[in-house]
Amino acid sequence: MLPGLQTQPKDSGRRGESRKGPSFNRHNQRSQDLPPLLHLEKQNGLLMEAYRSMSHELHKLQVEEEMLMRKFYEIMSAHGKIKKTEDRGNISDYGKVGDSTALVTTTSNEEQ
């Protein structure tokens, strides 16, 4: 082994600290001091706060997405990439309103 290298980290001299940091033992000590039900209620409150925060952020992102999509549509239609139509329900594959390319079979009385 090279001189000056140690296999074990030096003791920092502080009580209650482990290798994971000073807050690790304090957190465990706090959770051990609370009764189990209070600890679960506290965790539930923190989880609900995180849920509300994430839901709020998701809503903001959805609103931003909608605004960007509307702006994108405006830009595309201004450049002529999107053609505006009044009634899209009656448009076939070829763009003709009212005309259909469906095959219709008929039988005559003689074939029956």
C-alpha atoms as a PDB file:
ATOM      1  CA  MET A   1       0.000   0.000   0.000  1.00  0.00           C
ATOM      2  CA  LEU A   2       1.232   3.494  -0.812  1.00  0.00           C
ATOM      3  CA  PRO A   3       2.150   5.736   2.089  1.00  0.00           C
ATOM      4  CA  GLY A   4      -0.447   8.365   2.887  1.00  0.00           C
ATOM      5  CA  LEU A   5      -3.420   6.344   1.589  1.00  0.00           C
ATOM      6  CA  GLN A   6      -5.938   5.057   4.065  1.00  0.00           C
ATOM      7  CA  THR A   7      -8.592   2.422   3.595  1.00  0.00           C
ATOM      8  CA  GLN A   8     -10.950   3.909   6.188  1.00  0.00           C
ATOM      9  CA  PRO A   9     -12.167   7.533   6.060  1.00  0.00           C
ATOM     10  CA  LYS A  10     -11.036   9.741   8.912  1.00  0.00           C
ATOM     11  CA  ASP A  11     -13.474  10.273  11.755  1.00  0.00           C
ATOM     12  CA  SER A  12     -14.848  13.806  11.516  1.00  0.00           C
ATOM     13  CA  GLY A  13     -15.190  14.034  15.274  1.00  0.00           C
ATOM     14  CA  ARG A  14     -18.907  14.874  15.142  1.00  0.00           C
ATOM     15  CA  ARG A  15     -21.408  12.723  16.925  1.00  0.00           C
ATOM     16  CA  GLY A  16     -24.423  11.364  15.072  1.00  0.00           C
ATOM     17  CA  GLU A  17     -22.827  11.488  11.654  1.00  0.00           C
ATOM     18  CA  SER A  18     -22.315   8.491   9.486  1.00  0.00           C
ATOM     19  CA  ARG A  19     -20.820   8.071   6.037  1.00  0.00           C
ATOM     20  CA  LYS A  20     -24.164   9.053   4.502  1.00  0.00           C
ATOM     21  CA  GLY A  21     -24.049  12.534   5.984  1.00  0.00           C
ATOM     22  CA  PRO A  22     -25.294  14.368   9.055  1.00  0.00           C
ATOM     23  CA  SER A  23     -28.966  14.425   8.077  1.00  0.00           C
ATOM     24  CA  PHE A  24     -29.216  10.644   7.703  1.00  0.00           C
ATOM     25  CA  ASN A  25     -29.053   9.841  11.420  1.00  0.00           C
ATOM     26  CA  ARG A  26     -31.113  12.872  12.425  1.00  0.00           C
ATOM     27  CA  HIS A  27     -33.888  11.810  10.048  1.00  0.00           C
ATOM     28  CA  ASN A  28     -33.906   8.274  11.467  1.00  0.00           C
ATOM     29  CA  GLN A  29     -33.891   9.623  15.007  1.00  0.00           C
ATOM     30  CA  ARG A  30     -36.837  11.925  14.263  1.00  0.00           C
ATOM     31  CA  SER A  31     -38.832   9.132  12.661  1.00  0.00           C
ATOM     32  CA  GLN A  32     -38.129   6.879  15.641  1.00  0.00           C
ATOM     33  CA  ASP A  33     -39.316   9.571  18.064  1.00  0.00           C
ATOM     34  CA  LEU A  34     -42.722   9.874  16.358  1.00  0.00           C
ATOM     35  CA  PRO A  35     -45.423   7.279  16.918  1.00  0.00           C
ATOM     36  CA  PRO A  36     -46.022   5.165  13.796  1.00  0.00           C
ATOM     37  CA  LEU A  37     -49.367   6.779  12.969  1.00  0.00           C
ATOM     38  CA  LEU A  38     -48.014  10.324  13.198  1.00  0.00           C
ATOM     39  CA  HIS A  39     -45.079   9.356  11.011  1.00  0.00           C
ATOM     40  CA  LEU A  40     -47.451   7.961   8.362  1.00  0.00           C
ATOM     41  CA  GLU A  41     -49.658  11.047   8.557  1.00  0.00           C
ATOM     42  CA  LYS A  42     -46.616  13.267   8.070  1.00  0.00           C
ATOM     43  CA  GLN A  43     -45.496  11.199   5.085  1.00  0.00           C
ATOM     44  CA  ASN A  44     -49.033  11.346   3.665  1.00  0.00           C
ATOM     45  CA  GLY A  45     -49.039  15.130   3.983  1.00  0.00           C
ATOM     46  CA  LEU A  46     -45.684  15.412   2.224  1.00  0.00           C
ATOM     47  CA  LEU A  47     -46.831  13.083  -0.552  1.00  0.00           C
ATOM     48  CA  MET A  48     -50.064  15.043  -1.045  1.00  0.00           C
ATOM     49  CA  GLU A  49     -48.089  18.288  -1.229  1.00  0.00           C
ATOM     50  CA  ALA A  50     -45.799  16.746  -3.862  1.00  0.00           C
ATOM     51  CA  TYR A  51     -48.845  15.436  -5.772  1.00  0.00           C
ATOM     52  CA  ARG A  52     -50.477  18.881  -5.793  1.00  0.00           C
ATOM     53  CA  SER A  53     -47.257  20.501  -6.912  1.00  0.00           C
ATOM     54  CA  MET A  54     -46.770  17.995  -9.734  1.00  0.00           C
ATOM     55  CA  SER A  55     -50.417  18.303 -10.814  1.00  0.00           C
ATOM     56  CA  HIS A  56     -50.086  22.083 -10.919  1.00  0.00           C
ATOM     57  CA  GLU A  57     -46.904  21.830 -12.985  1.00  0.00           C
ATOM     58  CA  LEU A  58     -48.565  19.338 -15.358  1.00  0.00           C
ATOM     59  CA  HIS A  59     -51.525  21.690 -15.852  1.00  0.00           C
ATOM     60  CA  LYS A  60     -49.183  24.594 -16.628  1.00  0.00           C
ATOM     61  CA  LEU A  61     -47.358  22.453 -19.200  1.00  0.00           C
ATOM     62  CA  GLN A  62     -50.637  21.364 -20.814  1.00  0.00           C
ATOM     63  CA  VAL A  63     -51.769  24.990 -21.135  1.00  0.00           C
ATOM     64  CA  GLU A  64     -48.395  25.922 -22.609  1.00  0.00           C
ATOM     65  CA  GLU A  65     -48.627  23.013 -25.070  1.00  0.00           C
ATOM     66  CA  GLU A  66     -52.086  24.145 -26.198  1.00  0.00           C
ATOM     67  CA  MET A  67     -50.881  27.717 -26.707  1.00  0.00           C
ATOM     68  CA  LEU A  68     -47.878  26.521 -28.721  1.00  0.00           C
ATOM     69  CA  MET A  69     -50.039  24.246 -30.875  1.00  0.00           C
ATOM     70  CA  ARG A  70     -52.429  27.129 -31.626  1.00  0.00           C
ATOM     71  CA  LYS A  71     -49.503  29.375 -32.538  1.00  0.00           C
ATOM     72  CA  PHE A  72     -48.044  26.603 -34.729  1.00  0.00           C
ATOM     73  CA  TYR A  73     -51.409  26.227 -36.495  1.00  0.00           C
ATOM     74  CA  GLU A  74     -51.571  29.992 -37.099  1.00  0.00           C
ATOM     75  CA  ILE A  75     -48.062  30.018 -38.590  1.00  0.00           C
ATOM     76  CA  MET A  76     -48.710  26.979 -40.778  1.00  0.00           C
ATOM     77  CA  SER A  77     -52.001  28.381 -42.071  1.00  0.00           C
ATOM     78  CA  ALA A  78     -50.374  31.777 -42.740  1.00  0.00           C
ATOM     79  CA  HIS A  79     -47.774  30.070 -44.945  1.00  0.00           C
ATOM     80  CA  GLY A  80     -50.457  28.144 -46.811  1.00  0.00           C
ATOM     81  CA  LYS A  81     -49.488  24.747 -45.450  1.00  0.00           C
ATOM     82  CA  ILE A  82     -52.942  24.163 -43.963  1.00  0.00           C
ATOM     83  CA  LYS A  83     -56.076  24.715 -46.030  1.00  0.00           C
ATOM     84  CA  LYS A  84     -59.102  25.824 -44.076  1.00  0.00           C
ATOM     85  CA  THR A  85     -62.370  24.039 -44.913  1.00  0.00           C
ATOM     86  CA  GLU A  86     -65.866  24.726 -43.696  1.00  0.00           C
ATOM     87  CA  ASP A  87     -67.130  21.142 -43.397  1.00  0.00           C
ATOM     88  CA  ARG A  88     -64.629  18.322 -43.059  1.00  0.00           C
ATOM     89  CA  GLY A  89     -67.315  15.659 -42.460  1.00  0.00           C
ATOM     90  CA  ASN A  90     -68.226  15.215 -46.147  1.00  0.00           C
ATOM     91  CA  ILE A  91     -64.727  15.201 -47.618  1.00  0.00           C
ATOM     92  CA  SER A  92     -63.588  11.967 -49.247  1.00  0.00           C
ATOM     93  CA  ASP A  93     -60.009  10.870 -49.861  1.00  0.00           C
ATOM     94  CA  TYR A  94     -59.836  12.932 -53.060  1.00  0.00           C
ATOM     95  CA  GLY A  95     -61.062  16.153 -51.484  1.00  0.00           C
ATOM     96  CA  LYS A  96     -64.401  16.302 -53.322  1.00  0.00           C
ATOM     97  CA  VAL A  97     -67.311  17.296 -51.152  1.00  0.00           C
ATOM     98  CA  GLY A  98     -70.318  14.994 -51.378  1.00  0.00           C
ATOM     99  CA  ASP A  99     -68.782  12.469 -53.785  1.00  0.00           C
ATOM    100  CA  SER A 100     -68.015   9.022 -52.467  1.00  0.00           C
ATOM    101  CA  THR A 101     -65.864   6.255 -53.879  1.00  0.00           C
ATOM    102  CA  ALA A 102     -67.703   3.463 -52.065  1.00  0.00           C
ATOM    103  CA  LEU A 103     -68.586   0.366 -54.092  1.00  0.00           C
ATOM    104  CA  VAL A 104     -72.265  -0.438 -54.248  1.00  0.00           C
ATOM    105  CA  THR A 105     -73.438  -3.839 -55.430  1.00  0.00           C
ATOM    106  CA  THR A 106     -76.899  -4.274 -56.867  1.00  0.00           C
ATOM    107  CA  THR A 107     -78.720  -7.401 -57.857  1.00  0.00           C
ATOM    108  CA  SER A 108     -81.339  -7.631 -60.511  1.00  0.00           C
ATOM    109  CA  ASN A 109     -84.528  -9.635 -60.220  1.00  0.00           C
ATOM    110  CA  GLU A 110     -83.239 -12.166 -62.780  1.00  0.00           C
ATOM    111  CA  GLU A 111     -80.232 -13.181 -60.648  1.00  0.00           C
ATOM    112  CA  GLN A 112     -82.359 -13.926 -57.581  1.00  0.00           C
END
